[in-house]
């Protein structure tokens, strides 16, 4: 690490690691009790995966209409300090007296003067893969992840920047830096809440399904970005090969879930409902489109979820209880052979778009973070709480709590509820230790 600076916060507080919806909720709950929070996020913006979604099930409410006010509340709360582009490097001490070492990666932008106006983004000539859009769209070499990013400041991608100098010239406040350095923060904390979230299964591991081999095979996350009105296609579902609206779509469930062959035996909890939601959104806009969901079991376990399933069937969405072994190219585009396990009927279909419902897996770096914190992980890679059923917030190390999808696949309401539980326990620890 070269030319690092060291800053130390002496005021005791609570650290929340990960700023998806669970981390945001935990931070707001703790701050609501009058305790300061350091919210640490490795991405340039808070919000996590929920910011990528179009709607939420089973109400079909706008995802960002729910999340964005919470993001703004976090930014405005004087008891919450946001650290973006930051990762935990290590931890020392014990409950009531933790010392958290945080590496803050360079943004190449002066955070104190950048207004987020976007002039630099408009003038930048470089376009590269946009991870926030799951690769469906592109972004510039200087960018904001999305229009409602918090904090509302840009970040310069030095890996792809060609140093044309246009952004320096157009920036009124002169916020863009040619050079920047990592900084190291040492934060004192009474307790810690881990809400590091999840990543999605890499569909390339199921090569017979044709992901990245056939252009019209996409993942459920890529479809989310297509459906989103603020996404790269303006809310229109399109074939990647032609740019045209497909006449038929097939959803394939349990890609990376309930699969012993690849060592992922668990259900990912949200995939069935996500497929139902997206299938209904597509069918409502395109009543004549043939929409099929291939499944092993439809797991509609939550409040209102079974009724949601019935709504999908009433819209004319077709369900096949059977899974294709592969997706093959043919003269008509693609071919799938399905055996309906309820009727024994074998059918060959020719969809124009195939959507792989990829499962939830532990976040990249989650197991490494657990090792740094001295807490355990399950065989699946998710962080292990003390008791799976009775207490899902406490970890093996006193004063460190966990919430959201850091412990297991969960939907948004369950993640928010678990964040509230972890926040209360972290606050109680802080009170007991005299914060």
Protein backbone atom coordinates (compact mmCIF):
# COMPACT_ATOMS: atom_id res chain seq x y z
CA UNK A 1 0.00 0.00 0.00
CA UNK A 2 1.64 3.20 -1.16
CA UNK A 3 1.37 6.69 0.29
CA UNK A 4 -1.47 5.79 2.64
CA UNK A 5 -2.96 8.25 5.07
CA UNK A 6 -4.21 7.25 8.51
CA UNK A 7 -7.26 8.80 10.11
CA UNK A 8 -8.69 7.78 13.47
CA UNK A 9 -12.20 8.31 14.78
CA UNK A 10 -12.16 8.38 18.57
CA UNK A 11 -15.93 8.57 19.19
CA UNK A 12 -17.46 5.19 20.00
CA UNK A 13 -20.27 4.13 17.71
CA UNK A 14 -21.65 1.14 15.79
CA UNK A 15 -20.26 -0.03 12.45
CA UNK A 16 -22.56 -1.49 9.78
CA UNK A 17 -20.73 -3.36 6.99
CA UNK A 18 -22.68 -3.42 3.74
CA UNK A 19 -25.22 -0.85 2.58
CA UNK A 20 -27.91 -2.76 0.74
CA UNK A 21 -31.48 -2.51 1.99
CA UNK A 22 -30.63 -4.49 5.16
CA UNK A 23 -27.61 -2.33 5.97
CA UNK A 24 -29.57 0.85 5.29
CA UNK A 25 -32.40 -0.29 7.57
CA UNK A 26 -29.99 -1.30 10.33
CA UNK A 27 -28.21 2.07 10.13
CA UNK A 28 -31.48 4.01 10.27
CA UNK A 29 -32.77 1.97 13.22
CA UNK A 30 -29.56 2.44 15.20
CA UNK A 31 -29.39 6.15 14.43
CA UNK A 32 -33.03 6.38 15.52
CA UNK A 33 -31.83 5.38 19.00
CA UNK A 34 -29.40 8.29 19.03
CA UNK A 35 -26.25 6.26 18.36
CA UNK A 36 -23.75 7.16 15.66
CA UNK A 37 -23.26 4.71 12.77
CA UNK A 38 -20.38 4.26 10.35
CA UNK A 39 -21.91 2.65 7.24
CA UNK A 40 -19.29 0.92 5.09
CA UNK A 41 -19.98 0.01 1.46
CA UNK A 42 -17.52 -1.32 -1.13
CA UNK A 43 -19.51 0.04 -4.11
CA UNK A 44 -19.60 3.74 -5.15
CA UNK A 45 -23.25 3.99 -4.02
CA UNK A 46 -25.42 2.53 -1.30
CA UNK A 47 -28.55 0.56 -2.20
CA UNK A 48 -27.24 -2.87 -3.15
CA UNK A 49 -29.13 -5.22 -5.46
CA UNK A 50 -32.52 -3.73 -4.64
CA UNK A 51 -31.53 -0.63 -6.63
CA UNK A 52 -31.27 -2.81 -9.74
CA UNK A 53 -34.83 -4.12 -9.52
CA UNK A 54 -37.87 -2.73 -11.28
CA UNK A 55 -40.73 -3.90 -9.06
CA UNK A 56 -41.10 -5.86 -5.82
CA UNK A 57 -43.40 -8.83 -5.27
CA UNK A 58 -46.21 -9.46 -4.40
CA UNK A 59 -47.47 -5.86 -4.64
CA UNK A 60 -45.55 -4.83 -7.78
CA UNK A 61 -44.54 -1.60 -6.06
CA UNK A 62 -41.67 0.33 -7.63
CA UNK A 63 -38.44 -0.86 -6.03
CA UNK A 64 -36.70 2.52 -6.03
CA UNK A 65 -39.86 4.23 -4.75
CA UNK A 66 -39.32 2.17 -1.58
CA UNK A 67 -35.53 2.24 -1.45
CA UNK A 68 -34.65 5.75 -2.62
CA UNK A 69 -36.29 7.60 0.32
CA UNK A 70 -34.35 5.36 2.71
CA UNK A 71 -31.11 6.13 0.85
CA UNK A 72 -31.81 9.86 1.11
CA UNK A 73 -32.66 9.51 4.81
CA UNK A 74 -29.29 7.85 5.39
CA UNK A 75 -27.45 10.62 3.53
CA UNK A 76 -29.24 13.36 5.49
CA UNK A 77 -28.97 11.75 8.93
CA UNK A 78 -26.29 13.52 10.94
CA UNK A 79 -25.73 10.38 13.02
CA UNK A 80 -24.75 8.29 9.97
CA UNK A 81 -21.39 8.58 8.22
CA UNK A 82 -21.29 6.86 4.81
CA UNK A 83 -18.01 5.34 3.59
CA UNK A 84 -18.35 4.23 -0.04
CA UNK A 85 -15.62 2.50 -2.09
CA UNK A 86 -14.51 1.10 1.25
CA UNK A 87 -13.71 -2.38 2.57
CA UNK A 88 -12.92 -3.75 6.01
CA UNK A 89 -9.29 -4.82 6.26
CA UNK A 90 -9.23 -6.05 9.82
CA UNK A 91 -10.70 -5.85 13.30
CA UNK A 92 -9.27 -5.85 16.78
CA UNK A 93 -10.62 -5.58 20.30
CA UNK A 94 -13.78 -6.96 21.83
CA UNK A 95 -17.44 -6.07 22.27
CA UNK A 96 -17.66 -2.48 23.46
CA UNK A 97 -14.18 -1.68 22.20
CA UNK A 98 -13.71 -2.86 18.62
CA UNK A 99 -11.14 -1.23 16.35
CA UNK A 100 -12.18 -1.60 12.71
CA UNK A 101 -9.56 -0.95 10.02
CA UNK A 102 -11.13 0.24 6.77
CA UNK A 103 -9.44 0.73 3.40
CA UNK A 104 -11.07 3.45 1.32
CA UNK A 105 -10.28 3.06 -2.38
CA UNK A 106 -9.56 6.17 -4.44
CA UNK A 107 -12.50 7.71 -6.30
CA UNK A 108 -10.35 10.17 -8.28
CA UNK A 109 -12.99 12.78 -7.45
CA UNK A 110 -13.09 15.32 -4.63
CA UNK A 111 -16.16 14.17 -2.70
CA UNK A 112 -16.46 17.50 -0.88
CA UNK A 113 -16.84 19.59 -4.05
CA UNK A 114 -18.43 17.29 -6.66
CA UNK A 115 -22.05 18.30 -7.29
CA UNK A 116 -23.00 15.25 -9.35
CA UNK A 117 -24.08 17.48 -12.25
CA UNK A 118 -23.04 14.89 -14.84
CA UNK A 119 -21.28 17.24 -17.26
CA UNK A 120 -18.19 15.04 -17.14
CA UNK A 121 -20.26 11.94 -17.91
CA UNK A 122 -21.84 13.52 -20.98
CA UNK A 123 -18.53 14.61 -22.47
CA UNK A 124 -16.61 11.38 -21.78
CA UNK A 125 -16.02 9.49 -25.08
CA UNK A 126 -15.32 6.07 -23.52
CA UNK A 127 -18.03 3.41 -23.14
CA UNK A 128 -17.42 0.17 -21.24
CA UNK A 129 -19.32 -2.74 -19.66
CA UNK A 130 -21.81 -1.54 -17.06
CA UNK A 131 -21.91 -3.92 -14.12
CA UNK A 132 -24.93 -2.18 -12.58
CA UNK A 133 -26.89 -2.92 -15.77
CA UNK A 134 -25.57 -6.52 -15.68
CA UNK A 135 -23.84 -5.94 -19.00
CA UNK A 136 -27.04 -5.13 -20.90
CA UNK A 137 -26.00 -1.48 -21.11
CA UNK A 138 -22.77 0.50 -21.08
CA UNK A 139 -21.37 3.30 -18.95
CA UNK A 140 -18.69 5.96 -19.34
CA UNK A 141 -15.19 5.88 -17.89
CA UNK A 142 -16.40 8.52 -15.43
CA UNK A 143 -19.85 7.73 -14.13
CA UNK A 144 -22.53 7.43 -11.47
CA UNK A 145 -23.84 3.87 -11.09
CA UNK A 146 -27.41 5.10 -11.60
CA UNK A 147 -29.42 8.31 -11.60
CA UNK A 148 -30.45 8.06 -7.93
CA UNK A 149 -27.01 7.14 -6.57
CA UNK A 150 -26.20 8.11 -2.97
CA UNK A 151 -23.84 9.83 -2.48
CA UNK A 152 -24.65 11.76 -5.66
CA UNK A 153 -21.09 12.06 -6.89
CA UNK A 154 -19.19 10.52 -9.77
CA UNK A 155 -16.28 8.10 -9.79
CA UNK A 156 -13.52 7.91 -12.39
CA UNK A 157 -12.58 4.46 -13.68
CA UNK A 158 -8.83 4.80 -14.20
CA UNK A 159 -8.59 1.33 -15.75
CA UNK A 160 -10.59 2.45 -18.78
CA UNK A 161 -9.94 6.21 -18.74
CA UNK A 162 -7.89 7.29 -21.79
CA UNK A 163 -6.81 10.58 -20.16
CA UNK A 164 -8.30 12.70 -22.93
CA UNK A 165 -8.65 15.53 -20.42
CA UNK A 166 -12.19 16.52 -21.42
CA UNK A 167 -13.67 15.84 -17.98
CA UNK A 168 -11.04 18.01 -16.29
CA UNK A 169 -11.88 20.91 -18.60
CA UNK A 170 -15.67 20.67 -18.25
CA UNK A 171 -15.79 20.27 -14.45
CA UNK A 172 -16.73 23.67 -13.00
CA UNK A 173 -15.65 23.01 -9.38
CA UNK A 174 -12.47 21.24 -10.54
CA UNK A 175 -13.43 18.15 -8.57
CA UNK A 176 -11.82 15.53 -10.82
CA UNK A 177 -8.40 14.40 -9.70
CA UNK A 178 -5.62 13.12 -11.90
CA UNK A 179 -4.09 11.36 -8.91
CA UNK A 180 -5.66 9.93 -5.81
CA UNK A 181 -4.60 7.59 -3.02
CA UNK A 182 -6.01 4.90 -0.79
CA UNK A 183 -6.74 5.99 2.75
CA UNK A 184 -6.89 3.90 5.89
CA UNK A 185 -9.47 4.63 8.58
CA UNK A 186 -9.39 3.16 12.06
CA UNK A 187 -12.89 3.30 13.50
CA UNK A 188 -13.74 2.56 17.13
CA UNK A 189 -17.03 0.75 17.60
CA UNK A 190 -19.06 -0.72 20.45
CA UNK A 191 -20.61 -3.33 18.15
CA UNK A 192 -20.75 -4.37 14.50
CA UNK A 193 -23.57 -5.39 12.17
CA UNK A 194 -22.71 -7.37 9.03
CA UNK A 195 -25.09 -6.91 6.08
CA UNK A 196 -22.84 -7.80 3.16
CA UNK A 197 -25.66 -9.19 1.02
CA UNK A 198 -25.30 -11.66 -1.82
CA UNK A 199 -24.16 -12.21 -5.37
CA UNK A 200 -25.92 -14.23 -8.05
CA UNK A 201 -24.87 -17.60 -9.41
CA UNK A 202 -22.57 -17.54 -12.41
CA UNK A 203 -24.72 -19.11 -15.13
CA UNK A 204 -21.62 -20.06 -17.11
CA UNK A 205 -21.23 -22.95 -14.68
CA UNK A 206 -24.32 -24.51 -16.31
CA UNK A 207 -22.84 -24.49 -19.80
CA UNK A 208 -25.54 -26.75 -21.39
CA UNK A 209 -28.00 -23.87 -20.90
CA UNK A 210 -26.07 -21.75 -23.36
CA UNK A 211 -25.38 -18.61 -21.33
CA UNK A 212 -22.86 -16.39 -23.17
CA UNK A 213 -22.89 -18.97 -25.99
CA UNK A 214 -26.34 -18.10 -27.35
CA UNK A 215 -27.08 -14.36 -27.43
CA UNK A 216 -30.74 -14.73 -26.49
CA UNK A 217 -30.06 -16.60 -23.25
CA UNK A 218 -30.02 -14.06 -20.40
CA UNK A 219 -30.11 -14.17 -16.61
CA UNK A 220 -32.93 -12.97 -14.39
CA UNK A 221 -30.78 -10.00 -13.29
CA UNK A 222 -30.22 -8.97 -16.91
CA UNK A 223 -33.96 -9.21 -17.50
CA UNK A 224 -34.57 -6.98 -14.45
CA UNK A 225 -32.44 -4.28 -16.04
CA UNK A 226 -34.36 -4.61 -19.32
CA UNK A 227 -37.74 -4.33 -17.60
CA UNK A 228 -36.66 -1.34 -15.52
CA UNK A 229 -37.85 1.91 -17.11
CA UNK A 230 -34.58 3.55 -16.04
CA UNK A 231 -32.52 0.70 -17.50
CA UNK A 232 -30.58 0.50 -20.75
CA UNK A 233 -33.57 -0.54 -22.91
CA UNK A 234 -36.07 1.92 -21.43
CA UNK A 235 -38.22 -0.83 -19.96
CA UNK A 236 -38.55 -2.88 -23.17
CA UNK A 237 -37.68 -6.58 -23.20
CA UNK A 238 -35.62 -7.24 -26.32
CA UNK A 239 -33.73 -10.06 -27.97
CA UNK A 240 -30.00 -9.50 -27.61
CA UNK A 241 -29.40 -10.85 -31.11
CA UNK A 242 -31.78 -8.62 -33.05
CA UNK A 243 -33.01 -5.90 -30.70
CA UNK A 244 -36.59 -6.96 -31.45
CA UNK A 245 -39.31 -7.75 -28.90
CA UNK A 246 -39.49 -11.56 -28.59
CA UNK A 247 -42.69 -13.41 -29.43
CA UNK A 248 -42.01 -16.13 -26.85
CA UNK A 249 -40.06 -16.33 -23.58
CA UNK A 250 -39.12 -19.31 -21.43
CA UNK A 251 -38.01 -18.98 -17.80
CA UNK A 252 -35.83 -21.82 -16.50
CA UNK A 253 -35.90 -22.05 -12.70
CA UNK A 254 -33.36 -23.28 -10.15
CA UNK A 255 -30.23 -22.38 -12.12
CA UNK A 256 -27.61 -22.61 -9.39
CA UNK A 257 -30.12 -23.72 -6.72
CA UNK A 258 -31.25 -27.16 -5.53
CA UNK A 259 -28.49 -28.69 -7.63
CA UNK A 260 -26.34 -31.32 -5.92
CA UNK A 261 -24.18 -31.75 -9.03
CA UNK A 262 -22.61 -28.33 -8.53
CA UNK A 263 -22.69 -28.37 -4.72
CA UNK A 264 -25.61 -25.95 -4.29
CA UNK A 265 -28.37 -27.98 -2.63
CA UNK A 266 -30.31 -25.10 -1.05
CA UNK A 267 -33.30 -23.22 -2.43
CA UNK A 268 -32.56 -19.55 -3.17
CA UNK A 269 -35.94 -18.47 -1.78
CA UNK A 270 -36.75 -15.60 -4.17
CA UNK A 271 -36.33 -17.04 -7.68
CA UNK A 272 -39.85 -18.43 -8.14
CA UNK A 273 -41.50 -15.20 -7.08
CA UNK A 274 -39.09 -13.10 -9.13
CA UNK A 275 -39.90 -15.15 -12.22
CA UNK A 276 -43.65 -14.83 -11.55
CA UNK A 277 -43.28 -11.06 -11.12
CA UNK A 278 -41.27 -10.54 -14.31
CA UNK A 279 -43.46 -12.91 -16.32
CA UNK A 280 -46.56 -10.96 -15.25
CA UNK A 281 -44.97 -7.59 -16.02
CA UNK A 282 -44.05 -8.84 -19.49
CA UNK A 283 -47.45 -10.44 -20.11
CA UNK A 284 -49.33 -7.30 -19.04
CA UNK A 285 -47.39 -5.21 -21.58
CA UNK A 286 -47.44 -7.91 -24.29
CA UNK A 287 -50.69 -9.93 -23.95
CA UNK A 288 -49.99 -11.89 -27.13
CA UNK A 289 -46.54 -13.07 -26.05
CA UNK A 290 -46.16 -16.75 -25.14
CA UNK A 291 -44.61 -16.89 -21.64
CA UNK A 292 -43.61 -20.24 -20.13
CA UNK A 293 -42.05 -21.02 -16.73
CA UNK A 294 -40.21 -24.36 -16.39
CA UNK A 295 -39.95 -25.37 -12.75
CA UNK A 296 -39.34 -28.19 -10.28
CA UNK A 297 -41.64 -26.75 -7.58
CA UNK A 298 -43.22 -23.32 -7.30
CA UNK A 299 -42.32 -22.14 -3.80
CA UNK A 300 -44.81 -19.40 -2.98
CA UNK A 301 -44.38 -19.43 0.79
CA UNK A 302 -44.98 -15.82 1.92
CA UNK A 303 -48.02 -13.68 2.64
CA UNK A 304 -49.92 -13.11 -0.57
CA UNK A 305 -47.52 -15.24 -2.59
CA UNK A 306 -49.95 -18.07 -3.44
CA UNK A 307 -52.50 -15.50 -4.60
CA UNK A 308 -49.73 -13.97 -6.73
CA UNK A 309 -49.16 -17.39 -8.32
CA UNK A 310 -52.86 -17.65 -9.14
CA UNK A 311 -52.78 -14.18 -10.74
CA UNK A 312 -49.93 -15.33 -12.99
CA UNK A 313 -51.91 -18.35 -14.16
CA UNK A 314 -54.97 -16.18 -14.78
CA UNK A 315 -52.92 -13.93 -17.07
CA UNK A 316 -52.22 -16.88 -19.34
CA UNK A 317 -48.65 -17.66 -18.25
CA UNK A 318 -47.98 -21.34 -18.89
CA UNK A 319 -46.24 -23.58 -16.34
CA UNK A 320 -44.31 -26.78 -17.17
CA UNK A 321 -43.24 -28.97 -14.28
CA UNK A 322 -40.05 -30.16 -15.89
CA UNK A 323 -36.56 -28.87 -16.52
CA UNK A 324 -34.71 -28.85 -19.86
CA UNK A 325 -31.29 -30.44 -19.82
CA UNK A 326 -29.93 -28.02 -22.40
CA UNK A 327 -30.71 -25.13 -24.70
CA UNK A 328 -29.72 -25.82 -28.29
CA UNK A 329 -29.42 -23.56 -31.32
CA UNK A 330 -31.50 -24.41 -34.37
CA UNK A 331 -32.82 -22.78 -37.53
CA UNK A 332 -35.59 -21.05 -35.60
CA UNK A 333 -33.21 -19.67 -32.98
CA UNK A 334 -33.27 -22.02 -29.99
CA UNK A 335 -34.82 -25.34 -29.05
CA UNK A 336 -35.66 -26.87 -25.67
CA UNK A 337 -36.98 -30.36 -25.05
CA UNK A 338 -39.24 -30.60 -22.01
CA UNK A 339 -40.87 -33.54 -20.28
CA UNK A 340 -43.85 -32.46 -18.23
CA UNK A 341 -43.44 -34.61 -15.12
CA UNK A 342 -47.13 -34.23 -14.25
CA UNK A 343 -48.41 -35.62 -17.57
CA UNK A 344 -45.39 -37.44 -19.02
CA UNK A 345 -45.78 -35.46 -22.23
CA UNK A 346 -42.57 -34.56 -24.08
CA UNK A 347 -42.62 -31.21 -25.85
CA UNK A 348 -40.06 -29.33 -27.96
CA UNK A 349 -40.43 -25.57 -27.84
CA UNK A 350 -38.65 -22.83 -29.75
CA UNK A 351 -38.45 -19.68 -27.60
CA UNK A 352 -36.99 -16.44 -28.89
CA UNK A 353 -35.67 -15.50 -25.42
CA UNK A 354 -34.59 -17.76 -22.54
CA UNK A 355 -34.30 -16.38 -19.00
CA UNK A 356 -32.19 -18.29 -16.47
CA UNK A 357 -33.43 -17.73 -12.92
CA UNK A 358 -30.03 -17.64 -11.25
CA UNK A 359 -29.82 -18.43 -7.55
CA UNK A 360 -28.41 -16.48 -4.64
CA UNK A 361 -24.89 -17.24 -3.46
CA UNK A 362 -22.71 -15.65 -0.74
CA UNK A 363 -21.25 -12.27 -1.60
CA UNK A 364 -17.74 -12.23 -3.03
CA UNK A 365 -15.34 -11.69 -0.16
CA UNK A 366 -17.91 -12.71 2.46
CA UNK A 367 -15.96 -15.70 3.73
CA UNK A 368 -12.73 -13.66 3.81
CA UNK A 369 -14.49 -10.97 5.85
CA UNK A 370 -15.87 -13.60 8.24
CA UNK A 371 -12.34 -14.90 8.73
CA UNK A 372 -11.05 -11.39 9.48
CA UNK A 373 -13.82 -10.89 12.02
CA UNK A 374 -13.25 -14.27 13.63
CA UNK A 375 -16.72 -15.66 12.93
CA UNK A 376 -17.71 -18.84 11.13
CA UNK A 377 -19.35 -19.65 7.80
CA UNK A 378 -21.69 -22.42 6.74
CA UNK A 379 -20.57 -25.04 4.23
CA UNK A 380 -22.55 -23.01 1.68
CA UNK A 381 -20.37 -19.95 2.37
CA UNK A 382 -23.03 -17.89 4.16
CA UNK A 383 -22.13 -16.46 7.56
CA UNK A 384 -23.17 -18.74 10.43
CA UNK A 385 -25.34 -17.28 13.21
CA UNK A 386 -25.29 -18.80 16.69
CA UNK A 387 -28.66 -20.50 16.23
CA UNK A 388 -30.24 -20.92 12.82
CA UNK A 389 -33.84 -20.96 14.04
CA UNK A 390 -33.93 -19.22 17.42
CA UNK A 391 -31.38 -16.46 16.92
CA UNK A 392 -30.36 -15.43 13.44
CA UNK A 393 -28.60 -12.20 14.46
CA UNK A 394 -25.82 -13.19 16.88
CA UNK A 395 -22.55 -14.65 15.63
CA UNK A 396 -19.89 -16.68 17.39
CA UNK A 397 -18.09 -13.48 18.39
CA UNK A 398 -19.75 -11.35 21.03
CA UNK A 399 -20.74 -7.89 19.81
CA UNK A 400 -20.86 -8.84 16.12
CA UNK A 401 -24.28 -9.37 14.55
CA UNK A 402 -25.42 -10.38 11.08
CA UNK A 403 -28.55 -9.69 9.02
CA UNK A 404 -30.09 -9.95 5.57
CA UNK A 405 -28.80 -12.29 2.90
CA UNK A 406 -25.37 -12.45 4.52
CA UNK A 407 -26.70 -15.47 6.45
CA UNK A 408 -29.05 -17.09 3.92
CA UNK A 409 -31.20 -16.32 0.88
CA UNK A 410 -34.05 -13.99 1.87
CA UNK A 411 -36.57 -11.73 0.20
CA UNK A 412 -36.69 -7.99 0.89
CA UNK A 413 -39.24 -8.01 3.77
CA UNK A 414 -37.33 -10.76 5.58
CA UNK A 415 -34.04 -8.92 5.05
CA UNK A 416 -35.47 -5.70 6.48
CA UNK A 417 -36.94 -7.55 9.48
CA UNK A 418 -33.65 -9.30 10.22
CA UNK A 419 -31.84 -5.96 9.95
CA UNK A 420 -34.12 -4.53 12.62
CA UNK A 421 -33.38 -7.47 14.92
CA UNK A 422 -29.62 -7.13 14.44
CA UNK A 423 -29.79 -3.36 14.96
CA UNK A 424 -31.57 -3.76 18.32
CA UNK A 425 -29.03 -6.30 19.52
CA UNK A 426 -26.13 -4.09 18.43
CA UNK A 427 -27.71 -1.13 20.23
CA UNK A 428 -28.21 -3.17 23.43
CA UNK A 429 -24.54 -4.14 23.34
CA UNK A 430 -23.60 -0.49 22.91
CA UNK A 431 -25.78 0.50 25.90
CA UNK A 432 -24.34 -2.22 28.10
CA UNK A 433 -20.79 -1.19 27.32
CA UNK A 434 -21.44 2.46 28.13
CA UNK A 435 -21.48 4.11 24.71
